[in-house]
Amino acid sequence: MKNYISLSALYLVVMGCTPFKPAISNADINTLSEYKVKGRQGILINQKLSFGEYTTSKVKRSWTKGGNTRVPVTVSPVVDFLYPEILTVENRDRYQTFGFQMKDGLQNNTDVYAATDFASEQLLVGNNPNSIVNIIKDITGKGIDQSYMFYAQVYVNQDNKPWELLLDNNASQRDAKQYIGYFGYDQTRYYSLKPITELQTSKGPKPIWMGSVGYEICNPDNQAVAAVSLMDNGLVYLAATNPEERFLLANLCATLLLQQDIAE
């Protein structure tokens, strides 16, 4: 993934596009509010990420014990099939994880847990029709059989069922023009993540050589309601949707930004 991003960064220099701005295909960029990201670079001890009115708690990386505060990690096998096994039991890959909380001014709050470098079959726990794997199968008509996936759960307020993110980092770079990731709650409430492969320039959108530089986030009607640039410090774009949806999308963008160097 780093090789693709390095080539993309070189292309920015060649194009003289400073600062970098992503070109979003499914929305007028002017309809999305742009926010600069703070806290993504530098020393990551006691790291907090912020953009606009949103700020995470201190990011907890490399769990050694514990994890999802809403489910006992000692439960094995998983009793409640709403909780994918990856984040409810101890496993040897805990060093490839992070978690944080976020609040807004309307008393909404979230708990976010993420993990990387695991096989998709680890999510096939029980027959829950609203699992992210089954949601994707219903939307695309295809199953998932991949390794080294990035996975996250976002719990909103007191809901014991999470929104789930499933993303193949390698495919999003290698097959950037075709790949789509998903962030979903059930078959009607979900977002698609489409790799951004073009940049804004004074002469209009220009394609990068290869890979992607972030994601545009589209609702089921294929309207871009958010976007995130993963270059340098990062940029977040949010549409003027209702406050609850903006808050959810802010959590998704923060999660994507924070997976930086998670597997090192």
C-alpha atoms as a PDB file:
ATOM      1  CA  MET A   1       0.000   0.000   0.000  1.00  0.00           C
ATOM      2  CA  LYS A   2       2.829   2.402   0.825  1.00  0.00           C
ATOM      3  CA  ASN A   3       4.365   1.971  -2.644  1.00  0.00           C
ATOM      4  CA  TYR A   4       1.137   3.062  -4.292  1.00  0.00           C
ATOM      5  CA  ILE A   5       0.798   6.084  -2.010  1.00  0.00           C
ATOM      6  CA  SER A   6       4.425   7.073  -2.577  1.00  0.00           C
ATOM      7  CA  LEU A   7       3.863   7.063  -6.343  1.00  0.00           C
ATOM      8  CA  SER A   8       0.714   9.111  -5.879  1.00  0.00           C
ATOM      9  CA  ALA A   9       2.630  11.610  -3.754  1.00  0.00           C
ATOM     10  CA  LEU A  10       5.312  11.904  -6.458  1.00  0.00           C
ATOM     11  CA  TYR A  11       2.604  12.563  -9.010  1.00  0.00           C
ATOM     12  CA  LEU A  12       1.329  15.461  -6.905  1.00  0.00           C
ATOM     13  CA  VAL A  13       4.758  17.057  -7.072  1.00  0.00           C
ATOM     14  CA  VAL A  14       4.948  16.569 -10.832  1.00  0.00           C
ATOM     15  CA  MET A  15       1.521  18.118 -11.278  1.00  0.00           C
ATOM     16  CA  GLY A  16       2.362  21.042  -9.039  1.00  0.00           C
ATOM     17  CA  CYS A  17      -0.940  20.571  -7.241  1.00  0.00           C
ATOM     18  CA  THR A  18      -0.371  22.213  -3.857  1.00  0.00           C
ATOM     19  CA  PRO A  19      -2.216  21.714  -1.651  1.00  0.00           C
ATOM     20  CA  PHE A  20      -3.648  18.401  -2.786  1.00  0.00           C
ATOM     21  CA  LYS A  21      -7.413  18.348  -3.366  1.00  0.00           C
ATOM     22  CA  PRO A  22      -9.302  15.161  -4.279  1.00  0.00           C
ATOM     23  CA  ALA A  23     -11.747  15.123  -7.167  1.00  0.00           C
ATOM     24  CA  ILE A  24     -15.041  13.584  -6.072  1.00  0.00           C
ATOM     25  CA  SER A  25     -17.019  12.047  -8.913  1.00  0.00           C
ATOM     26  CA  ASN A  26     -20.489  11.796  -7.367  1.00  0.00           C
ATOM     27  CA  ALA A  27     -20.850  15.297  -5.940  1.00  0.00           C
ATOM     28  CA  ASP A  28     -19.941  18.889  -6.558  1.00  0.00           C
ATOM     29  CA  ILE A  29     -16.980  19.388  -4.233  1.00  0.00           C
ATOM     30  CA  ASN A  30     -18.430  22.796  -3.349  1.00  0.00           C
ATOM     31  CA  THR A  31     -21.444  21.127  -1.708  1.00  0.00           C
ATOM     32  CA  LEU A  32     -19.148  19.430   0.830  1.00  0.00           C
ATOM     33  CA  SER A  33     -17.551  21.305   3.715  1.00  0.00           C
ATOM     34  CA  GLU A  34     -13.787  20.809   3.894  1.00  0.00           C
ATOM     35  CA  TYR A  35     -11.989  20.260   7.210  1.00  0.00           C
ATOM     36  CA  LYS A  36      -8.265  20.073   7.847  1.00  0.00           C
ATOM     37  CA  VAL A  37      -7.190  17.217  10.100  1.00  0.00           C
ATOM     38  CA  LYS A  38      -5.058  17.677  13.198  1.00  0.00           C
ATOM     39  CA  GLY A  39      -3.260  14.970  15.144  1.00  0.00           C
ATOM     40  CA  ARG A  40      -2.561  12.472  12.377  1.00  0.00           C
ATOM     41  CA  GLN A  41       1.174  13.078  12.066  1.00  0.00           C
ATOM     42  CA  GLY A  42       4.028  13.168  14.575  1.00  0.00           C
ATOM     43  CA  ILE A  43       4.320  11.317  17.879  1.00  0.00           C
ATOM     44  CA  LEU A  44       1.262   9.104  18.336  1.00  0.00           C
ATOM     45  CA  ILE A  45       1.485   8.822  22.138  1.00  0.00           C
ATOM     46  CA  ASN A  46      -1.791  10.101  23.640  1.00  0.00           C
ATOM     47  CA  GLN A  47      -2.915  10.805  20.088  1.00  0.00           C
ATOM     48  CA  LYS A  48      -6.174  12.650  19.486  1.00  0.00           C
ATOM     49  CA  LEU A  49      -7.568  13.296  16.032  1.00  0.00           C
ATOM     50  CA  SER A  50      -9.684  16.350  15.272  1.00  0.00           C
ATOM     51  CA  PHE A  51     -11.360  18.061  12.320  1.00  0.00           C
ATOM     52  CA  GLY A  52     -14.121  20.637  12.343  1.00  0.00           C
ATOM     53  CA  GLU A  53     -16.234  20.228  15.469  1.00  0.00           C
ATOM     54  CA  TYR A  54     -15.203  16.601  15.953  1.00  0.00           C
ATOM     55  CA  THR A  55     -12.429  15.327  18.240  1.00  0.00           C
ATOM     56  CA  THR A  56     -11.647  11.762  19.261  1.00  0.00           C
ATOM     57  CA  SER A  57     -10.661  10.644  22.709  1.00  0.00           C
ATOM     58  CA  LYS A  58      -7.084   9.469  23.174  1.00  0.00           C
ATOM     59  CA  VAL A  59      -6.558   6.694  20.657  1.00  0.00           C
ATOM     60  CA  LYS A  60      -5.858   3.346  22.285  1.00  0.00           C
ATOM     61  CA  ARG A  61      -3.577   1.242  20.117  1.00  0.00           C
ATOM     62  CA  SER A  62      -2.269  -2.304  20.478  1.00  0.00           C
ATOM     63  CA  TRP A  63      -4.731  -3.804  22.909  1.00  0.00           C
ATOM     64  CA  THR A  64      -3.072  -6.221  25.302  1.00  0.00           C
ATOM     65  CA  LYS A  65      -6.264  -7.180  27.093  1.00  0.00           C
ATOM     66  CA  GLY A  66      -9.843  -6.099  27.083  1.00  0.00           C
ATOM     67  CA  GLY A  67     -11.378  -4.574  23.986  1.00  0.00           C
ATOM     68  CA  ASN A  68     -15.020  -4.093  23.226  1.00  0.00           C
ATOM     69  CA  THR A  69     -16.420  -2.584  26.435  1.00  0.00           C
ATOM     70  CA  ARG A  70     -19.945  -3.613  25.465  1.00  0.00           C
ATOM     71  CA  VAL A  71     -19.212  -7.338  25.332  1.00  0.00           C
ATOM     72  CA  PRO A  72     -17.112  -9.463  27.750  1.00  0.00           C
ATOM     73  CA  VAL A  73     -13.959 -10.521  25.921  1.00  0.00           C
ATOM     74  CA  THR A  74     -13.917 -13.806  27.826  1.00  0.00           C
ATOM     75  CA  VAL A  75     -17.008 -15.073  25.979  1.00  0.00           C
ATOM     76  CA  SER A  76     -15.952 -17.953  23.725  1.00  0.00           C
ATOM     77  CA  PRO A  77     -17.571 -19.153  21.621  1.00  0.00           C
ATOM     78  CA  VAL A  78     -19.477 -15.949  20.917  1.00  0.00           C
ATOM     79  CA  VAL A  79     -22.981 -16.244  22.320  1.00  0.00           C
ATOM     80  CA  ASP A  80     -24.522 -13.186  20.700  1.00  0.00           C
ATOM     81  CA  PHE A  81     -23.956 -13.481  16.961  1.00  0.00           C
ATOM     82  CA  LEU A  82     -24.330  -9.735  16.512  1.00  0.00           C
ATOM     83  CA  TYR A  83     -20.715  -9.377  17.622  1.00  0.00           C
ATOM     84  CA  PRO A  84     -18.045 -10.604  15.200  1.00  0.00           C
ATOM     85  CA  GLU A  85     -15.506 -12.795  16.923  1.00  0.00           C
ATOM     86  CA  ILE A  86     -12.548 -10.658  15.896  1.00  0.00           C
ATOM     87  CA  LEU A  87     -13.298  -8.039  18.563  1.00  0.00           C
ATOM     88  CA  THR A  88     -14.826 -10.119  21.355  1.00  0.00           C
ATOM     89  CA  VAL A  89     -12.188 -12.711  22.161  1.00  0.00           C
ATOM     90  CA  GLU A  90      -8.454 -12.600  22.771  1.00  0.00           C
ATOM     91  CA  ASN A  91      -6.366 -13.284  19.684  1.00  0.00           C
ATOM     92  CA  ARG A  92      -2.733 -13.161  18.771  1.00  0.00           C
ATOM     93  CA  ASP A  93      -3.150 -10.213  16.412  1.00  0.00           C
ATOM     94  CA  ARG A  94      -4.279  -7.725  19.053  1.00  0.00           C
ATOM     95  CA  TYR A  95      -1.233  -5.542  18.336  1.00  0.00           C
ATOM     96  CA  GLN A  96      -2.905  -4.621  15.030  1.00  0.00           C
ATOM     97  CA  THR A  97      -5.845  -2.834  16.632  1.00  0.00           C
ATOM     98  CA  PHE A  98      -6.972   0.576  17.839  1.00  0.00           C
ATOM     99  CA  GLY A  99     -10.021   2.099  19.478  1.00  0.00           C
ATOM    100  CA  PHE A 100     -11.407   5.518  20.392  1.00  0.00           C
ATOM    101  CA  GLN A 101     -14.539   7.351  21.469  1.00  0.00           C
ATOM    102  CA  MET A 102     -16.141  10.467  20.019  1.00  0.00           C
ATOM    103  CA  LYS A 103     -18.878  12.868  21.169  1.00  0.00           C
ATOM    104  CA  ASP A 104     -20.720  15.751  19.547  1.00  0.00           C
ATOM    105  CA  GLY A 105     -22.558  18.773  20.897  1.00  0.00           C
ATOM    106  CA  LEU A 106     -25.910  16.960  20.780  1.00  0.00           C
ATOM    107  CA  GLN A 107     -24.951  14.287  23.339  1.00  0.00           C
ATOM    108  CA  ASN A 108     -24.336  11.637  20.699  1.00  0.00           C
ATOM    109  CA  ASN A 109     -21.392   9.382  21.456  1.00  0.00           C
ATOM    110  CA  THR A 110     -19.611   6.423  19.900  1.00  0.00           C
ATOM    111  CA  ASP A 111     -17.240   3.602  20.752  1.00  0.00           C
ATOM    112  CA  VAL A 112     -15.047   2.567  17.820  1.00  0.00           C
ATOM    113  CA  TYR A 113     -12.920  -0.587  17.572  1.00  0.00           C
ATOM    114  CA  ALA A 114     -10.777  -1.538  14.587  1.00  0.00           C
ATOM    115  CA  ALA A 115      -8.453  -4.347  13.550  1.00  0.00           C
ATOM    116  CA  THR A 116      -6.448  -5.207  10.458  1.00  0.00           C
ATOM    117  CA  ASP A 117      -4.695  -8.150   8.782  1.00  0.00           C
ATOM    118  CA  PHE A 118      -7.294 -10.836   9.288  1.00  0.00           C
ATOM    119  CA  ALA A 119      -9.183 -13.164   6.969  1.00  0.00           C
ATOM    120  CA  SER A 120     -12.791 -12.364   6.096  1.00  0.00           C
ATOM    121  CA  GLU A 121     -13.959 -15.809   7.269  1.00  0.00           C
ATOM    122  CA  GLN A 122     -13.371 -14.622  10.841  1.00  0.00           C
ATOM    123  CA  LEU A 123     -16.509 -12.504  10.415  1.00  0.00           C
ATOM    124  CA  LEU A 124     -18.708 -15.439   9.430  1.00  0.00           C
ATOM    125  CA  VAL A 125     -20.086 -16.015  12.919  1.00  0.00           C
ATOM    126  CA  GLY A 126     -23.603 -17.446  12.988  1.00  0.00           C
ATOM    127  CA  ASN A 127     -26.335 -16.652  10.488  1.00  0.00           C
ATOM    128  CA  ASN A 128     -26.946 -13.016  11.323  1.00  0.00           C
ATOM    129  CA  PRO A 129     -28.531 -11.526   8.163  1.00  0.00           C
ATOM    130  CA  ASN A 130     -27.321  -8.057   9.131  1.00  0.00           C
ATOM    131  CA  SER A 131     -23.631  -8.904   9.399  1.00  0.00           C
ATOM    132  CA  ILE A 132     -21.445  -6.835   7.111  1.00  0.00           C
ATOM    133  CA  VAL A 133     -20.549  -9.923   5.068  1.00  0.00           C
ATOM    134  CA  ASN A 134     -24.211 -10.713   4.386  1.00  0.00           C
ATOM    135  CA  ILE A 135     -25.012  -7.042   3.738  1.00  0.00           C
ATOM    136  CA  ILE A 136     -22.323  -6.928   1.047  1.00  0.00           C
ATOM    137  CA  LYS A 137     -23.561 -10.202  -0.435  1.00  0.00           C
ATOM    138  CA  ASP A 138     -27.098  -8.821  -0.668  1.00  0.00           C
ATOM    139  CA  ILE A 139     -25.897  -5.588  -2.286  1.00  0.00           C
ATOM    140  CA  THR A 140     -23.401  -7.059  -4.754  1.00  0.00           C
ATOM    141  CA  GLY A 141     -24.579 -10.639  -5.130  1.00  0.00           C
ATOM    142  CA  LYS A 142     -21.053 -11.799  -4.313  1.00  0.00           C
ATOM    143  CA  GLY A 143     -19.474 -13.333  -1.249  1.00  0.00           C
ATOM    144  CA  ILE A 144     -16.154 -12.342   0.319  1.00  0.00           C
ATOM    145  CA  ASP A 145     -13.126 -14.578   0.607  1.00  0.00           C
ATOM    146  CA  GLN A 146     -10.128 -12.368   1.276  1.00  0.00           C
ATOM    147  CA  SER A 147      -7.288 -12.040   3.756  1.00  0.00           C
ATOM    148  CA  TYR A 148      -5.608  -8.973   5.234  1.00  0.00           C
ATOM    149  CA  MET A 149      -8.814  -7.001   5.530  1.00  0.00           C
ATOM    150  CA  PHE A 150      -9.367  -3.844   7.583  1.00  0.00           C
ATOM    151  CA  TYR A 151     -12.412  -4.150   9.833  1.00  0.00           C
ATOM    152  CA  ALA A 152     -14.073  -1.733  12.273  1.00  0.00           C
ATOM    153  CA  GLN A 153     -17.132  -1.535  14.497  1.00  0.00           C
ATOM    154  CA  VAL A 154     -18.810   1.785  15.353  1.00  0.00           C
ATOM    155  CA  TYR A 155     -21.292   1.645  18.236  1.00  0.00           C
ATOM    156  CA  VAL A 156     -23.588   4.692  18.354  1.00  0.00           C
ATOM    157  CA  ASN A 157     -25.043   5.810  21.680  1.00  0.00           C
ATOM    158  CA  GLN A 158     -26.515   2.798  23.521  1.00  0.00           C
ATOM    159  CA  ASP A 159     -27.061   0.615  20.468  1.00  0.00           C
ATOM    160  CA  ASN A 160     -25.604  -2.862  21.029  1.00  0.00           C
ATOM    161  CA  LYS A 161     -25.437  -3.532  17.298  1.00  0.00           C
ATOM    162  CA  PRO A 162     -22.536  -1.820  15.514  1.00  0.00           C
ATOM    163  CA  TRP A 163     -22.120  -0.250  12.157  1.00  0.00           C
ATOM    164  CA  GLU A 164     -19.391  -2.315  10.476  1.00  0.00           C
ATOM    165  CA  LEU A 165     -16.633  -1.340   8.057  1.00  0.00           C
ATOM    166  CA  LEU A 166     -14.989  -3.888   5.783  1.00  0.00           C
ATOM    167  CA  LEU A 167     -12.202  -2.718   3.506  1.00  0.00           C
ATOM    168  CA  ASP A 168      -9.472  -4.424   1.499  1.00  0.00           C
ATOM    169  CA  ASN A 169      -6.572  -1.956   1.559  1.00  0.00           C
ATOM    170  CA  ASN A 170      -4.595  -3.790  -1.112  1.00  0.00           C
ATOM    171  CA  ALA A 171      -7.510  -4.038  -3.548  1.00  0.00           C
ATOM    172  CA  SER A 172      -8.401  -0.382  -3.007  1.00  0.00           C
ATOM    173  CA  GLN A 173      -4.948   0.500  -4.338  1.00  0.00           C
ATOM    174  CA  ARG A 174      -4.332  -2.281  -6.856  1.00  0.00           C
ATOM    175  CA  ASP A 175      -7.831  -2.138  -8.392  1.00  0.00           C
ATOM    176  CA  ALA A 176      -8.712   1.403  -7.393  1.00  0.00           C
ATOM    177  CA  LYS A 177     -11.008   2.131 -10.328  1.00  0.00           C
ATOM    178  CA  GLN A 178     -13.180  -0.944  -9.693  1.00  0.00           C
ATOM    179  CA  TYR A 179     -12.954  -1.654  -5.960  1.00  0.00           C
ATOM    180  CA  ILE A 180     -15.723  -0.698  -3.510  1.00  0.00           C
ATOM    181  CA  GLY A 181     -15.625  -1.078   0.284  1.00  0.00           C
ATOM    182  CA  TYR A 182     -18.660  -1.008   2.567  1.00  0.00           C
ATOM    183  CA  PHE A 183     -19.773   0.506   5.863  1.00  0.00           C
ATOM    184  CA  GLY A 184     -23.149  -0.866   6.885  1.00  0.00           C
ATOM    185  CA  TYR A 185     -25.751  -1.439   9.574  1.00  0.00           C
ATOM    186  CA  ASP A 186     -28.299  -3.494   7.616  1.00  0.00           C
ATOM    187  CA  GLN A 187     -29.471  -4.044   4.037  1.00  0.00           C
ATOM    188  CA  THR A 188     -31.005  -0.561   3.741  1.00  0.00           C
ATOM    189  CA  ARG A 189     -28.590   1.493   5.835  1.00  0.00           C
ATOM    190  CA  TYR A 190     -25.111   1.363   4.359  1.00  0.00           C
ATOM    191  CA  TYR A 191     -22.460   3.430   2.570  1.00  0.00           C
ATOM    192  CA  SER A 192     -20.079   2.475  -0.211  1.00  0.00           C
ATOM    193  CA  LEU A 193     -16.442   3.581  -0.134  1.00  0.00           C
ATOM    194  CA  LYS A 194     -15.025   4.339  -3.569  1.00  0.00           C
ATOM    195  CA  PRO A 195     -11.292   4.975  -3.957  1.00  0.00           C
ATOM    196  CA  ILE A 196     -10.451   8.479  -5.173  1.00  0.00           C
ATOM    197  CA  THR A 197      -8.285   8.257  -8.282  1.00  0.00           C
ATOM    198  CA  GLU A 198      -8.435  11.852  -9.539  1.00  0.00           C
ATOM    199  CA  LEU A 199      -7.169  15.200  -8.268  1.00  0.00           C
ATOM    200  CA  GLN A 200      -8.604  18.666  -8.623  1.00  0.00           C
ATOM    201  CA  THR A 201      -6.503  20.994 -10.749  1.00  0.00           C
ATOM    202  CA  SER A 202      -7.021  24.392 -12.349  1.00  0.00           C
ATOM    203  CA  LYS A 203      -7.758  22.516 -15.563  1.00  0.00           C
ATOM    204  CA  GLY A 204     -10.275  20.135 -14.029  1.00  0.00           C
ATOM    205  CA  PRO A 205      -9.964  16.595 -12.603  1.00  0.00           C
ATOM    206  CA  LYS A 206      -6.779  14.764 -13.509  1.00  0.00           C
ATOM    207  CA  PRO A 207      -6.206  11.017 -12.922  1.00  0.00           C
ATOM    208  CA  ILE A 208      -3.281   9.870 -10.836  1.00  0.00           C
ATOM    209  CA  TRP A 209      -0.922   7.267 -12.245  1.00  0.00           C
ATOM    210  CA  MET A 210      -2.011   4.414 -10.020  1.00  0.00           C
ATOM    211  CA  GLY A 211      -3.588   3.599  -6.676  1.00  0.00           C
ATOM    212  CA  SER A 212      -5.855   5.962  -4.761  1.00  0.00           C
ATOM    213  CA  VAL A 213      -5.468   8.872  -2.374  1.00  0.00           C
ATOM    214  CA  GLY A 214      -8.590   8.470  -0.251  1.00  0.00           C
ATOM    215  CA  TYR A 215     -12.258   7.555  -0.449  1.00  0.00           C
ATOM    216  CA  GLU A 216     -15.525   9.151  -1.403  1.00  0.00           C
ATOM    217  CA  ILE A 217     -18.365   7.849   0.718  1.00  0.00           C
ATOM    218  CA  CYS A 218     -21.711   7.387  -1.021  1.00  0.00           C
ATOM    219  CA  ASN A 219     -25.191   6.630   0.310  1.00  0.00           C
ATOM    220  CA  PRO A 220     -27.432   3.931  -1.258  1.00  0.00           C
ATOM    221  CA  ASP A 221     -28.556   6.511  -3.867  1.00  0.00           C
ATOM    222  CA  ASN A 222     -24.928   6.849  -4.995  1.00  0.00           C
ATOM    223  CA  GLN A 223     -24.697  10.420  -3.688  1.00  0.00           C
ATOM    224  CA  ALA A 224     -21.349  11.393  -2.150  1.00  0.00           C
ATOM    225  CA  VAL A 225     -22.110  12.538   1.395  1.00  0.00           C
ATOM    226  CA  ALA A 226     -18.513  12.532   2.640  1.00  0.00           C
ATOM    227  CA  ALA A 227     -14.950  12.036   1.493  1.00  0.00           C
ATOM    228  CA  VAL A 228     -11.555  11.642   3.095  1.00  0.00           C
ATOM    229  CA  SER A 229      -8.085  12.338   1.750  1.00  0.00           C
ATOM    230  CA  LEU A 230      -5.403  10.109   3.268  1.00  0.00           C
ATOM    231  CA  MET A 231      -2.496  12.157   1.936  1.00  0.00           C
ATOM    232  CA  ASP A 232      -0.213  13.954   4.405  1.00  0.00           C
ATOM    233  CA  ASN A 233      -2.200  15.342   7.358  1.00  0.00           C
ATOM    234  CA  GLY A 234      -5.490  14.395   5.733  1.00  0.00           C
ATOM    235  CA  LEU A 235      -8.655  16.235   4.727  1.00  0.00           C
ATOM    236  CA  VAL A 236     -12.280  15.448   5.550  1.00  0.00           C
ATOM    237  CA  TYR A 237     -15.304  16.495   3.510  1.00  0.00           C
ATOM    238  CA  LEU A 238     -18.830  16.316   4.944  1.00  0.00           C
ATOM    239  CA  ALA A 239     -22.176  17.135   3.360  1.00  0.00           C
ATOM    240  CA  ALA A 240     -24.823  19.186   5.116  1.00  0.00           C
ATOM    241  CA  THR A 241     -26.848  16.134   6.145  1.00  0.00           C
ATOM    242  CA  ASN A 242     -28.649  15.739   9.470  1.00  0.00           C
ATOM    243  CA  PRO A 243     -26.410  15.993  12.570  1.00  0.00           C
ATOM    244  CA  GLU A 244     -26.685  12.293  13.416  1.00  0.00           C
ATOM    245  CA  GLU A 245     -25.549  11.219   9.943  1.00  0.00           C
ATOM    246  CA  ARG A 246     -22.698  13.758   9.921  1.00  0.00           C
ATOM    247  CA  PHE A 247     -21.557  12.430  13.295  1.00  0.00           C
ATOM    248  CA  LEU A 248     -21.606   8.844  12.028  1.00  0.00           C
ATOM    249  CA  LEU A 249     -19.672   9.809   8.902  1.00  0.00           C
ATOM    250  CA  ALA A 250     -17.167  11.765  11.006  1.00  0.00           C
ATOM    251  CA  ASN A 251     -16.476   8.576  12.954  1.00  0.00           C
ATOM    252  CA  LEU A 252     -15.978   6.653   9.718  1.00  0.00           C
ATOM    253  CA  CYS A 253     -13.550   9.267   8.385  1.00  0.00           C
ATOM    254  CA  ALA A 254     -11.600   9.286  11.666  1.00  0.00           C
ATOM    255  CA  THR A 255     -11.344   5.501  11.545  1.00  0.00           C
ATOM    256  CA  LEU A 256      -9.959   5.579   8.002  1.00  0.00           C
ATOM    257  CA  LEU A 257      -7.434   8.248   8.934  1.00  0.00           C
ATOM    258  CA  LEU A 258      -6.284   6.397  12.045  1.00  0.00           C
ATOM    259  CA  GLN A 259      -5.437   3.127  10.360  1.00  0.00           C
ATOM    260  CA  GLN A 260      -2.179   4.829   9.308  1.00  0.00           C
ATOM    261  CA  ASP A 261       0.791   2.549  10.144  1.00  0.00           C
ATOM    262  CA  ILE A 262      -1.452   0.190  12.120  1.00  0.00           C
ATOM    263  CA  ALA A 263       0.286  -2.914  10.801  1.00  0.00           C
ATOM    264  CA  GLU A 264       3.837  -1.792  11.509  1.00  0.00           C
END
